[in-house]
């Protein structure tokens, strides 16, 4: 064997990968088993899929499809990087991922895919979120970077986010001096201002036609 060609590696540890391949320059290429190597490489948390083959006369080819980090999961005083399926990728050297949304709650990763998918199509909201807290094993609260808390409903979360995005686009709702924006009722948005007053936000809302 003369060369090892790796494509698709971004976050997988190169040293771990090399150790799993377990072949050195000059070793017989036919002593290397691509099937065994593939099985071992796919145990790396970052690796979703691996393609491994011998390329004669002397190259080992490894093509990686890595999992994409989409959120930080905070639970029991520990922070982990997870992907869109809730798979834990790493709990070390998380500094490069510090700008990702933080998910809080023991079972938050299992419920995150729907939330992340809905947020991805609402950039006016997504860009403002610092954290999402899984509440009572049934719904999410969003903590915005400016300190506002948004209470999402148990059902129709996507519709609630669409209504919120519309209110933000038309009236800059999330730029106002608010503490809480409650989206749990389908026909209204209830807000709490910083002095503590609670009122319904009406501007731009027309019943359920939002």
N, C-alpha and C. Protein backbone atom coordinates (compact mmCIF):
# COMPACT_ATOMS: atom_id res chain seq x y z
N UNK A 1 0.84 -1.19 0.00
CA UNK A 1 0.00 0.00 0.00
C UNK A 1 0.88 1.25 0.00
N UNK A 2 0.53 2.20 -0.86
CA UNK A 2 1.34 3.41 -0.99
C UNK A 2 0.62 4.66 -0.49
N UNK A 3 -0.70 4.73 -0.69
CA UNK A 3 -1.43 5.95 -0.35
C UNK A 3 -2.78 5.62 0.30
N UNK A 4 -3.23 6.55 1.16
CA UNK A 4 -4.60 6.51 1.70
C UNK A 4 -5.27 7.82 1.30
N UNK A 5 -6.35 7.71 0.55
CA UNK A 5 -7.08 8.88 0.08
C UNK A 5 -8.40 8.97 0.84
N UNK A 6 -8.58 10.06 1.57
CA UNK A 6 -9.80 10.27 2.36
C UNK A 6 -10.53 11.50 1.83
N UNK A 7 -11.80 11.34 1.52
CA UNK A 7 -12.64 12.46 1.08
C UNK A 7 -13.83 12.60 2.00
N UNK A 8 -14.24 13.84 2.23
CA UNK A 8 -15.44 14.10 3.03
C UNK A 8 -15.20 14.28 4.51
N UNK A 9 -13.95 14.23 4.96
CA UNK A 9 -13.68 14.39 6.39
C UNK A 9 -13.64 15.87 6.75
N UNK A 10 -14.49 16.25 7.72
CA UNK A 10 -14.50 17.62 8.23
C UNK A 10 -14.24 17.61 9.74
N UNK A 11 -15.05 16.86 10.46
CA UNK A 11 -14.95 16.86 11.91
C UNK A 11 -14.47 15.55 12.51
N UNK A 12 -14.47 14.49 11.75
CA UNK A 12 -13.99 13.21 12.26
C UNK A 12 -12.51 13.32 12.62
N UNK A 13 -12.12 12.71 13.73
CA UNK A 13 -10.74 12.77 14.21
C UNK A 13 -9.83 11.97 13.28
N UNK A 14 -8.85 12.65 12.67
CA UNK A 14 -7.96 11.99 11.71
C UNK A 14 -7.14 10.88 12.37
N UNK A 15 -6.74 11.08 13.63
CA UNK A 15 -5.94 10.07 14.31
C UNK A 15 -6.76 8.82 14.59
N UNK A 16 -8.01 9.01 14.99
CA UNK A 16 -8.89 7.86 15.23
C UNK A 16 -9.12 7.11 13.92
N UNK A 17 -9.33 7.85 12.86
CA UNK A 17 -9.56 7.24 11.55
C UNK A 17 -8.34 6.40 11.13
N UNK A 18 -7.17 6.96 11.31
CA UNK A 18 -5.94 6.25 10.94
C UNK A 18 -5.78 4.98 11.77
N UNK A 19 -6.10 5.07 13.06
CA UNK A 19 -5.97 3.90 13.93
C UNK A 19 -6.93 2.79 13.51
N UNK A 20 -8.13 3.17 13.10
CA UNK A 20 -9.11 2.17 12.69
C UNK A 20 -8.73 1.50 11.37
N UNK A 21 -8.15 2.27 10.47
CA UNK A 21 -7.72 1.70 9.19
C UNK A 21 -6.62 0.67 9.42
N UNK A 22 -5.69 0.99 10.32
CA UNK A 22 -4.66 0.06 10.76
C UNK A 22 -3.86 -0.55 9.61
N UNK A 23 -3.37 0.33 8.75
CA UNK A 23 -2.50 -0.12 7.66
C UNK A 23 -1.43 0.95 7.44
N UNK A 24 -0.23 0.51 7.17
CA UNK A 24 0.89 1.42 7.00
C UNK A 24 1.42 1.35 5.57
N UNK A 25 2.09 2.42 5.18
CA UNK A 25 2.74 2.43 3.86
C UNK A 25 3.68 1.24 3.74
N UNK A 26 3.57 0.49 2.67
CA UNK A 26 4.40 -0.68 2.44
C UNK A 26 3.71 -2.00 2.78
N UNK A 27 2.59 -1.93 3.55
CA UNK A 27 1.86 -3.17 3.85
C UNK A 27 1.18 -3.68 2.58
N UNK A 28 1.00 -4.99 2.46
CA UNK A 28 0.31 -5.55 1.28
C UNK A 28 -1.13 -5.03 1.22
N UNK A 29 -1.53 -4.51 0.07
CA UNK A 29 -2.86 -3.91 -0.05
C UNK A 29 -3.96 -4.96 0.11
N UNK A 30 -3.68 -6.21 -0.25
CA UNK A 30 -4.70 -7.25 -0.14
C UNK A 30 -4.84 -7.78 1.29
N UNK A 31 -3.96 -7.30 2.18
CA UNK A 31 -4.12 -7.63 3.60
C UNK A 31 -5.16 -6.72 4.25
N UNK A 32 -5.55 -5.69 3.52
CA UNK A 32 -6.53 -4.73 4.02
C UNK A 32 -7.93 -5.16 3.61
N UNK A 33 -8.86 -5.24 4.57
CA UNK A 33 -10.24 -5.66 4.30
C UNK A 33 -11.16 -4.44 4.31
N UNK A 34 -11.62 -3.98 3.14
CA UNK A 34 -12.49 -2.78 3.08
C UNK A 34 -13.78 -2.93 3.87
N UNK A 35 -14.34 -4.13 3.88
CA UNK A 35 -15.62 -4.33 4.58
C UNK A 35 -15.45 -4.15 6.08
N UNK A 36 -14.38 -4.72 6.64
CA UNK A 36 -14.13 -4.56 8.07
C UNK A 36 -13.84 -3.10 8.41
N UNK A 37 -13.06 -2.45 7.55
CA UNK A 37 -12.73 -1.04 7.79
C UNK A 37 -13.99 -0.17 7.77
N UNK A 38 -14.86 -0.44 6.82
CA UNK A 38 -16.12 0.32 6.72
C UNK A 38 -16.93 0.19 8.02
N UNK A 39 -17.03 -1.04 8.52
CA UNK A 39 -17.79 -1.29 9.74
C UNK A 39 -17.21 -0.52 10.92
N UNK A 40 -15.90 -0.50 11.03
CA UNK A 40 -15.25 0.20 12.13
C UNK A 40 -15.39 1.72 12.01
N UNK A 41 -15.21 2.22 10.80
CA UNK A 41 -15.28 3.67 10.57
C UNK A 41 -16.67 4.20 10.86
N UNK A 42 -17.69 3.42 10.54
CA UNK A 42 -19.07 3.89 10.76
C UNK A 42 -19.46 3.88 12.23
N UNK A 43 -18.57 3.42 13.10
CA UNK A 43 -18.80 3.53 14.54
C UNK A 43 -18.37 4.90 15.07
N UNK A 44 -17.62 5.65 14.27
CA UNK A 44 -17.26 7.01 14.66
C UNK A 44 -18.54 7.85 14.67
N UNK A 45 -18.76 8.58 15.76
CA UNK A 45 -20.02 9.31 15.93
C UNK A 45 -20.29 10.27 14.78
N UNK A 46 -19.26 10.93 14.27
CA UNK A 46 -19.44 11.91 13.20
C UNK A 46 -19.82 11.27 11.87
N UNK A 47 -19.53 9.99 11.69
CA UNK A 47 -19.68 9.36 10.37
C UNK A 47 -21.07 8.75 10.22
N UNK A 48 -21.80 9.25 9.24
CA UNK A 48 -23.11 8.69 8.93
C UNK A 48 -22.98 7.51 7.98
N UNK A 49 -22.05 7.62 7.05
CA UNK A 49 -21.86 6.57 6.05
C UNK A 49 -20.43 6.62 5.55
N UNK A 50 -19.86 5.44 5.28
CA UNK A 50 -18.50 5.37 4.75
C UNK A 50 -18.45 4.43 3.55
N UNK A 51 -17.64 4.81 2.56
CA UNK A 51 -17.38 3.96 1.40
C UNK A 51 -15.88 3.68 1.39
N UNK A 52 -15.51 2.41 1.42
CA UNK A 52 -14.10 2.03 1.49
C UNK A 52 -13.79 1.03 0.39
N UNK A 53 -12.68 1.26 -0.32
CA UNK A 53 -12.30 0.33 -1.39
C UNK A 53 -10.79 0.36 -1.62
N UNK A 54 -10.30 -0.72 -2.19
CA UNK A 54 -8.93 -0.77 -2.69
C UNK A 54 -8.93 -0.20 -4.10
N UNK A 55 -7.94 0.65 -4.38
CA UNK A 55 -7.76 1.14 -5.74
C UNK A 55 -6.35 0.76 -6.19
N UNK A 56 -6.29 -0.30 -6.97
CA UNK A 56 -5.00 -0.82 -7.39
C UNK A 56 -4.29 0.19 -8.30
N UNK A 57 -2.95 0.26 -8.22
CA UNK A 57 -2.11 -0.75 -7.56
C UNK A 57 -1.87 -0.54 -6.08
N UNK A 58 -2.03 0.70 -5.54
CA UNK A 58 -1.57 0.87 -4.17
C UNK A 58 -2.29 1.92 -3.35
N UNK A 59 -3.59 2.16 -3.61
CA UNK A 59 -4.30 3.20 -2.88
C UNK A 59 -5.52 2.64 -2.14
N UNK A 60 -5.69 3.07 -0.89
CA UNK A 60 -6.91 2.80 -0.13
C UNK A 60 -7.76 4.06 -0.19
N UNK A 61 -8.99 3.92 -0.68
CA UNK A 61 -9.89 5.07 -0.78
C UNK A 61 -10.95 4.99 0.31
N UNK A 62 -11.18 6.12 1.00
CA UNK A 62 -12.22 6.21 2.02
C UNK A 62 -13.05 7.46 1.76
N UNK A 63 -14.31 7.26 1.45
CA UNK A 63 -15.24 8.38 1.26
C UNK A 63 -16.19 8.46 2.43
N UNK A 64 -16.25 9.61 3.08
CA UNK A 64 -17.08 9.79 4.26
C UNK A 64 -18.27 10.71 3.98
N UNK A 65 -19.42 10.34 4.52
CA UNK A 65 -20.56 11.25 4.62
C UNK A 65 -20.71 11.53 6.11
N UNK A 66 -20.37 12.74 6.53
CA UNK A 66 -20.42 13.08 7.94
C UNK A 66 -21.79 13.64 8.33
N UNK A 67 -22.11 13.45 9.59
CA UNK A 67 -23.31 14.06 10.15
C UNK A 67 -23.08 15.56 10.33
N UNK A 68 -24.13 16.33 10.12
CA UNK A 68 -24.01 17.78 10.22
C UNK A 68 -24.43 18.26 11.61
N UNK A 69 -23.55 19.00 12.30
CA UNK A 69 -23.93 19.52 13.62
C UNK A 69 -24.96 20.64 13.48
N UNK A 70 -26.06 20.53 14.21
CA UNK A 70 -27.13 21.54 14.09
C UNK A 70 -27.50 22.18 15.41
N UNK A 71 -27.10 21.58 16.53
CA UNK A 71 -27.52 22.12 17.82
C UNK A 71 -26.58 21.64 18.92
N UNK A 72 -26.61 22.38 20.04
CA UNK A 72 -25.96 21.96 21.27
C UNK A 72 -27.04 21.47 22.22
N UNK A 73 -26.78 20.33 22.86
CA UNK A 73 -27.74 19.78 23.81
C UNK A 73 -27.19 19.93 25.22
N UNK A 74 -27.91 20.67 26.05
CA UNK A 74 -27.49 20.88 27.44
C UNK A 74 -28.35 20.03 28.36
N UNK A 75 -27.69 19.15 29.10
CA UNK A 75 -28.42 18.27 30.02
C UNK A 75 -27.47 17.83 31.13
N UNK A 76 -27.93 17.91 32.37
CA UNK A 76 -27.14 17.48 33.53
C UNK A 76 -25.75 18.13 33.54
N UNK A 77 -25.74 19.42 33.33
CA UNK A 77 -24.54 20.24 33.40
C UNK A 77 -23.49 19.87 32.35
N UNK A 78 -23.91 19.19 31.31
CA UNK A 78 -22.99 18.83 30.23
C UNK A 78 -23.57 19.29 28.90
N UNK A 79 -22.69 19.71 27.99
CA UNK A 79 -23.13 20.18 26.68
C UNK A 79 -22.54 19.27 25.60
N UNK A 80 -23.40 18.83 24.70
CA UNK A 80 -23.00 17.95 23.61
C UNK A 80 -23.42 18.55 22.28
N UNK A 81 -22.71 18.22 21.22
CA UNK A 81 -23.09 18.61 19.87
C UNK A 81 -23.94 17.49 19.29
N UNK A 82 -25.10 17.83 18.69
CA UNK A 82 -25.95 16.81 18.09
C UNK A 82 -26.29 17.18 16.66
N UNK A 83 -26.76 16.17 15.90
CA UNK A 83 -27.17 16.42 14.51
C UNK A 83 -28.69 16.53 14.45
N UNK A 84 -29.23 16.64 13.23
CA UNK A 84 -30.67 16.87 13.05
C UNK A 84 -31.52 15.68 13.46
N UNK A 85 -30.90 14.51 13.63
CA UNK A 85 -31.63 13.33 14.08
C UNK A 85 -31.50 13.13 15.59
N UNK A 86 -30.85 14.06 16.25
CA UNK A 86 -30.67 13.94 17.69
C UNK A 86 -29.51 13.06 18.10
N UNK A 87 -28.65 12.68 17.16
CA UNK A 87 -27.50 11.83 17.46
C UNK A 87 -26.39 12.68 18.09
N UNK A 88 -25.86 12.22 19.23
CA UNK A 88 -24.76 12.93 19.88
C UNK A 88 -23.48 12.73 19.08
N UNK A 89 -22.82 13.83 18.73
CA UNK A 89 -21.61 13.77 17.92
C UNK A 89 -20.34 13.90 18.75
N UNK A 90 -20.36 14.81 19.71
CA UNK A 90 -19.19 14.98 20.57
C UNK A 90 -19.55 15.82 21.78
N UNK A 91 -18.80 15.67 22.85
CA UNK A 91 -18.92 16.55 24.00
C UNK A 91 -17.58 17.21 24.32
N UNK A 92 -16.66 17.14 23.35
CA UNK A 92 -15.33 17.74 23.52
C UNK A 92 -15.08 18.77 22.43
N UNK A 93 -14.27 19.77 22.78
CA UNK A 93 -13.88 20.81 21.82
C UNK A 93 -15.09 21.36 21.07
N UNK A 94 -16.05 21.86 21.86
CA UNK A 94 -17.30 22.35 21.25
C UNK A 94 -17.25 23.83 20.89
N UNK A 95 -16.14 24.49 21.13
CA UNK A 95 -16.01 25.92 20.85
C UNK A 95 -16.39 26.29 19.41
N UNK A 96 -16.00 25.50 18.39
CA UNK A 96 -16.38 25.87 17.02
C UNK A 96 -17.90 25.87 16.77
N UNK A 97 -18.66 25.27 17.69
CA UNK A 97 -20.10 25.14 17.49
C UNK A 97 -20.90 26.01 18.45
N UNK A 98 -20.23 27.01 19.06
CA UNK A 98 -20.85 27.81 20.11
C UNK A 98 -22.04 28.64 19.63
N UNK A 99 -22.14 28.89 18.33
CA UNK A 99 -23.23 29.71 17.81
C UNK A 99 -24.48 28.90 17.46
N UNK A 100 -24.44 27.58 17.64
CA UNK A 100 -25.60 26.76 17.35
C UNK A 100 -26.66 26.95 18.43
N UNK A 101 -27.92 26.70 18.09
CA UNK A 101 -29.00 26.76 19.06
C UNK A 101 -28.74 25.76 20.18
N UNK A 102 -29.09 26.12 21.41
CA UNK A 102 -28.94 25.24 22.57
C UNK A 102 -30.29 24.60 22.87
N UNK A 103 -30.31 23.28 22.97
CA UNK A 103 -31.52 22.55 23.34
C UNK A 103 -31.37 22.09 24.79
N UNK A 104 -32.41 22.32 25.59
CA UNK A 104 -32.35 22.01 27.01
C UNK A 104 -33.44 21.01 27.35
N UNK A 105 -33.07 19.96 28.09
CA UNK A 105 -34.03 18.96 28.50
C UNK A 105 -33.53 17.56 28.21
N UNK A 106 -33.86 16.64 29.10
CA UNK A 106 -33.32 15.28 28.99
C UNK A 106 -33.69 14.61 27.67
N UNK A 107 -34.93 14.78 27.21
CA UNK A 107 -35.36 14.13 25.97
C UNK A 107 -35.45 15.13 24.81
N UNK A 108 -34.84 16.29 24.96
CA UNK A 108 -34.89 17.31 23.91
C UNK A 108 -34.39 16.80 22.55
N UNK A 109 -33.29 16.03 22.48
CA UNK A 109 -32.81 15.59 21.16
C UNK A 109 -33.82 14.75 20.39
N UNK A 110 -34.60 13.94 21.09
CA UNK A 110 -35.58 13.10 20.40
C UNK A 110 -36.71 13.91 19.77
N UNK A 111 -36.97 15.08 20.35
CA UNK A 111 -38.07 15.92 19.86
C UNK A 111 -37.57 17.09 19.01
N UNK A 112 -36.27 17.20 18.87
CA UNK A 112 -35.69 18.34 18.16
C UNK A 112 -35.92 18.35 16.65
N UNK A 113 -35.95 17.19 15.95
CA UNK A 113 -36.03 17.25 14.49
C UNK A 113 -37.19 18.08 13.96
N UNK A 114 -38.38 17.93 14.52
CA UNK A 114 -39.53 18.72 14.05
C UNK A 114 -39.31 20.20 14.29
N UNK A 115 -38.84 20.55 15.48
CA UNK A 115 -38.59 21.96 15.80
C UNK A 115 -37.57 22.56 14.84
N UNK A 116 -36.46 21.88 14.64
CA UNK A 116 -35.40 22.40 13.78
C UNK A 116 -35.87 22.53 12.34
N UNK A 117 -36.71 21.59 11.89
CA UNK A 117 -37.23 21.67 10.51
C UNK A 117 -38.15 22.87 10.34
N UNK A 118 -39.02 23.12 11.32
CA UNK A 118 -39.92 24.28 11.25
C UNK A 118 -39.15 25.58 11.32
N UNK A 119 -38.13 25.63 12.18
CA UNK A 119 -37.33 26.86 12.31
C UNK A 119 -36.54 27.16 11.04
N UNK A 120 -36.11 26.11 10.35
CA UNK A 120 -35.29 26.30 9.16
C UNK A 120 -36.02 27.07 8.07
N UNK A 121 -37.34 27.01 8.06
CA UNK A 121 -38.11 27.73 7.03
C UNK A 121 -38.64 29.07 7.55
N UNK A 122 -38.24 29.44 8.76
CA UNK A 122 -38.64 30.73 9.33
C UNK A 122 -37.39 31.49 9.77
N UNK A 123 -36.58 31.98 8.84
CA UNK A 123 -35.32 32.63 9.21
C UNK A 123 -35.50 33.87 10.08
N UNK A 124 -36.63 34.57 9.96
CA UNK A 124 -36.86 35.75 10.80
C UNK A 124 -36.89 35.38 12.29
N UNK A 125 -37.30 34.15 12.56
CA UNK A 125 -37.36 33.66 13.94
C UNK A 125 -36.07 32.92 14.28
N UNK A 126 -35.65 32.04 13.39
CA UNK A 126 -34.50 31.18 13.65
C UNK A 126 -33.25 31.97 14.03
N UNK A 127 -33.03 33.08 13.35
CA UNK A 127 -31.81 33.86 13.59
C UNK A 127 -31.79 34.54 14.95
N UNK A 128 -32.94 34.60 15.61
CA UNK A 128 -33.02 35.30 16.89
C UNK A 128 -32.94 34.36 18.09
N UNK A 129 -32.92 33.06 17.85
CA UNK A 129 -33.04 32.09 18.95
C UNK A 129 -31.68 31.76 19.55
N UNK A 130 -31.65 31.77 20.86
CA UNK A 130 -30.47 31.33 21.60
C UNK A 130 -30.64 29.91 22.10
N UNK A 131 -31.83 29.58 22.61
CA UNK A 131 -32.06 28.25 23.19
C UNK A 131 -33.51 27.84 23.03
N UNK A 132 -33.73 26.53 23.09
CA UNK A 132 -35.09 25.96 23.09
C UNK A 132 -35.17 24.98 24.25
N UNK A 133 -36.18 25.15 25.10
CA UNK A 133 -36.32 24.32 26.29
C UNK A 133 -37.53 23.41 26.12
N UNK A 134 -37.30 22.11 26.28
CA UNK A 134 -38.39 21.14 26.15
C UNK A 134 -39.16 21.11 27.47
N UNK A 135 -40.45 21.48 27.42
CA UNK A 135 -41.25 21.71 28.62
C UNK A 135 -42.26 20.58 28.82
N UNK A 136 -42.22 19.97 30.00
CA UNK A 136 -43.25 19.01 30.39
C UNK A 136 -43.42 17.84 29.46
N UNK A 137 -42.38 17.50 28.72
CA UNK A 137 -42.42 16.38 27.78
C UNK A 137 -43.53 16.55 26.73
N UNK A 138 -43.84 17.83 26.39
CA UNK A 138 -44.91 17.99 25.42
C UNK A 138 -44.77 19.20 24.49
N UNK A 139 -43.97 20.22 24.84
CA UNK A 139 -43.90 21.39 23.99
C UNK A 139 -42.59 22.15 24.26
N UNK A 140 -42.33 23.20 23.42
CA UNK A 140 -41.10 23.97 23.52
C UNK A 140 -41.36 25.40 23.98
N UNK A 141 -40.41 25.92 24.77
CA UNK A 141 -40.27 27.36 24.98
C UNK A 141 -38.99 27.79 24.25
N UNK A 142 -39.05 28.91 23.56
CA UNK A 142 -37.87 29.46 22.89
C UNK A 142 -37.34 30.64 23.69
N UNK A 143 -36.05 30.67 23.91
CA UNK A 143 -35.40 31.82 24.54
C UNK A 143 -34.65 32.58 23.46
N UNK A 144 -35.05 33.83 23.22
CA UNK A 144 -34.42 34.63 22.18
C UNK A 144 -33.17 35.32 22.71
N UNK A 145 -32.32 35.75 21.80
CA UNK A 145 -31.06 36.38 22.18
C UNK A 145 -31.28 37.69 22.94
N UNK A 146 -32.42 38.32 22.73
CA UNK A 146 -32.71 39.57 23.44
C UNK A 146 -33.45 39.34 24.76
N UNK A 147 -33.60 38.06 25.15
CA UNK A 147 -34.20 37.75 26.44
C UNK A 147 -35.68 37.41 26.41
N UNK A 148 -36.37 37.63 25.31
CA UNK A 148 -37.79 37.31 25.21
C UNK A 148 -37.98 35.80 25.22
N UNK A 149 -39.01 35.34 25.94
CA UNK A 149 -39.39 33.93 25.94
C UNK A 149 -40.62 33.75 25.05
N UNK A 150 -40.57 32.79 24.13
CA UNK A 150 -41.71 32.48 23.26
C UNK A 150 -42.23 31.10 23.64
N UNK A 151 -43.50 31.06 24.05
CA UNK A 151 -44.13 29.80 24.44
C UNK A 151 -44.85 29.21 23.22
N UNK A 152 -44.36 28.07 22.74
CA UNK A 152 -44.98 27.41 21.59
C UNK A 152 -46.04 26.41 22.05
N UNK A 153 -47.04 26.14 21.20
CA UNK A 153 -48.09 25.20 21.58
C UNK A 153 -47.64 23.75 21.46
N UNK A 154 -48.41 22.88 22.09
CA UNK A 154 -48.12 21.45 22.01
C UNK A 154 -48.38 20.93 20.60
N UNK A 155 -49.42 21.44 19.95
CA UNK A 155 -49.78 21.04 18.59
C UNK A 155 -49.66 22.23 17.64
N UNK A 156 -49.56 21.95 16.36
CA UNK A 156 -49.50 23.00 15.33
C UNK A 156 -48.35 23.97 15.57
N UNK A 157 -47.19 23.44 15.94
CA UNK A 157 -46.02 24.27 16.20
C UNK A 157 -45.60 25.04 14.95
N UNK A 158 -45.66 24.38 13.79
CA UNK A 158 -45.27 25.04 12.55
C UNK A 158 -46.15 26.23 12.24
N UNK A 159 -47.45 26.09 12.46
CA UNK A 159 -48.38 27.20 12.23
C UNK A 159 -48.11 28.35 13.20
N UNK A 160 -47.82 28.02 14.45
CA UNK A 160 -47.51 29.05 15.44
C UNK A 160 -46.27 29.85 15.03
N UNK A 161 -45.25 29.16 14.56
CA UNK A 161 -44.03 29.85 14.12
C UNK A 161 -44.29 30.70 12.89
N UNK A 162 -45.17 30.24 12.00
CA UNK A 162 -45.53 31.03 10.82
C UNK A 162 -46.25 32.31 11.24
N UNK A 163 -47.16 32.19 12.22
CA UNK A 163 -47.87 33.37 12.74
C UNK A 163 -46.89 34.34 13.38
N UNK A 164 -45.95 33.80 14.14
CA UNK A 164 -44.96 34.64 14.80
C UNK A 164 -44.08 35.35 13.78
N UNK A 165 -43.67 34.63 12.73
CA UNK A 165 -42.84 35.24 11.69
C UNK A 165 -43.60 36.35 10.98
N UNK A 166 -44.90 36.16 10.78
CA UNK A 166 -45.72 37.19 10.13
C UNK A 166 -45.81 38.43 11.01
N UNK A 167 -46.01 38.22 12.31
CA UNK A 167 -46.08 39.34 13.23
C UNK A 167 -44.75 40.08 13.30
N UNK A 168 -43.67 39.35 13.21
CA UNK A 168 -42.35 39.99 13.22
C UNK A 168 -42.12 40.78 11.93
N UNK A 169 -42.49 40.19 10.79
CA UNK A 169 -42.28 40.86 9.51
C UNK A 169 -43.11 42.12 9.39
N UNK A 170 -44.36 42.08 9.89
CA UNK A 170 -45.27 43.20 9.71
C UNK A 170 -45.12 44.28 10.78
N UNK A 171 -44.80 43.86 12.00
CA UNK A 171 -44.84 44.81 13.12
C UNK A 171 -43.59 44.79 14.00
N UNK A 172 -42.60 43.96 13.66
CA UNK A 172 -41.40 43.90 14.49
C UNK A 172 -41.71 43.51 15.92
N UNK A 173 -42.62 42.54 16.09
CA UNK A 173 -43.08 42.16 17.43
C UNK A 173 -41.92 41.82 18.36
N UNK A 174 -40.93 41.11 17.86
CA UNK A 174 -39.85 40.62 18.71
C UNK A 174 -38.79 41.68 19.00
N UNK A 175 -39.00 42.88 18.48
CA UNK A 175 -38.11 43.99 18.81
C UNK A 175 -38.71 44.87 19.90
N UNK A 176 -39.93 44.57 20.31
CA UNK A 176 -40.61 45.39 21.31
C UNK A 176 -40.13 45.03 22.71
N UNK A 177 -40.49 45.87 23.68
CA UNK A 177 -40.03 45.70 25.06
C UNK A 177 -40.91 44.66 25.76
N UNK A 178 -40.67 43.41 25.45
CA UNK A 178 -41.51 42.31 25.95
C UNK A 178 -40.68 41.33 26.78
N UNK A 179 -41.38 40.59 27.64
CA UNK A 179 -40.75 39.49 28.38
C UNK A 179 -41.19 38.15 27.81
N UNK A 180 -42.50 38.01 27.53
CA UNK A 180 -43.06 36.74 27.07
C UNK A 180 -43.97 36.98 25.88
N UNK A 181 -43.86 36.08 24.89
CA UNK A 181 -44.80 36.02 23.77
C UNK A 181 -45.41 34.62 23.81
N UNK A 182 -46.72 34.55 24.06
CA UNK A 182 -47.40 33.27 24.24
C UNK A 182 -48.17 32.92 22.96
N UNK A 183 -47.74 31.84 22.30
CA UNK A 183 -48.36 31.41 21.04
C UNK A 183 -49.27 30.19 21.23
N UNK A 184 -49.64 29.86 22.45
CA UNK A 184 -50.34 28.60 22.72
C UNK A 184 -51.80 28.61 22.31
N UNK A 185 -52.37 29.79 22.10
CA UNK A 185 -53.74 29.87 21.60
C UNK A 185 -53.71 30.09 20.09
N UNK A 186 -54.57 29.35 19.37
CA UNK A 186 -54.53 29.39 17.91
C UNK A 186 -55.02 30.71 17.33
N UNK A 187 -55.86 31.45 18.07
CA UNK A 187 -56.48 32.64 17.50
C UNK A 187 -55.95 33.95 18.08
N UNK A 188 -54.89 33.88 18.88
CA UNK A 188 -54.35 35.11 19.46
C UNK A 188 -52.89 34.93 19.84
N UNK A 189 -52.21 36.06 19.96
CA UNK A 189 -50.88 36.10 20.51
C UNK A 189 -50.95 36.95 21.78
N UNK A 190 -50.59 36.40 22.91
CA UNK A 190 -50.61 37.12 24.17
C UNK A 190 -49.18 37.49 24.55
N UNK A 191 -48.99 38.76 24.92
CA UNK A 191 -47.64 39.22 25.25
C UNK A 191 -47.63 39.78 26.67
N UNK A 192 -46.46 39.70 27.29
CA UNK A 192 -46.25 40.31 28.60
C UNK A 192 -45.13 41.33 28.45
N UNK A 193 -45.42 42.55 28.82
CA UNK A 193 -44.43 43.62 28.72
C UNK A 193 -43.51 43.60 29.94
N UNK A 194 -42.41 44.35 29.87
CA UNK A 194 -41.43 44.30 30.96
C UNK A 194 -41.97 44.75 32.32
N UNK A 195 -42.84 45.75 32.39
CA UNK A 195 -43.41 46.07 33.71
C UNK A 195 -44.34 44.99 34.24
N UNK A 196 -44.72 44.03 33.39
CA UNK A 196 -45.53 42.92 33.86
C UNK A 196 -46.95 42.89 33.33
N UNK A 197 -47.36 43.88 32.56
CA UNK A 197 -48.72 43.89 32.01
C UNK A 197 -48.88 42.81 30.95
N UNK A 198 -50.04 42.16 30.95
CA UNK A 198 -50.35 41.13 29.97
C UNK A 198 -51.44 41.66 29.05
N UNK A 199 -51.23 41.52 27.76
CA UNK A 199 -52.25 41.97 26.81
C UNK A 199 -52.17 41.12 25.54
N UNK A 200 -53.26 41.17 24.79
CA UNK A 200 -53.29 40.46 23.52
C UNK A 200 -52.73 41.36 22.44
N UNK A 201 -51.89 40.77 21.60
CA UNK A 201 -51.33 41.50 20.46
C UNK A 201 -52.28 41.33 19.28
N UNK A 202 -52.79 42.43 18.75
CA UNK A 202 -53.81 42.35 17.71
C UNK A 202 -53.35 42.83 16.34
N UNK A 203 -52.39 43.73 16.29
CA UNK A 203 -52.02 44.36 15.03
C UNK A 203 -51.67 43.34 13.98
N UNK A 204 -52.35 43.43 12.85
CA UNK A 204 -52.04 42.56 11.74
C UNK A 204 -52.64 41.18 11.80
N UNK A 205 -53.34 40.86 12.90
CA UNK A 205 -53.94 39.53 13.03
C UNK A 205 -55.39 39.58 12.61
N UNK A 206 -55.78 38.56 11.85
CA UNK A 206 -57.17 38.47 11.38
C UNK A 206 -57.68 37.07 11.65
N UNK A 207 -58.08 36.85 12.90
CA UNK A 207 -58.58 35.53 13.26
C UNK A 207 -57.51 34.48 13.05
N UNK A 208 -57.89 33.41 12.37
CA UNK A 208 -56.96 32.31 12.10
C UNK A 208 -56.33 32.42 10.73
N UNK A 209 -56.65 33.47 9.98
CA UNK A 209 -56.14 33.58 8.61
C UNK A 209 -54.77 34.23 8.59
N UNK A 210 -53.83 33.52 9.16
CA UNK A 210 -52.48 34.07 9.29
C UNK A 210 -51.49 33.16 8.59
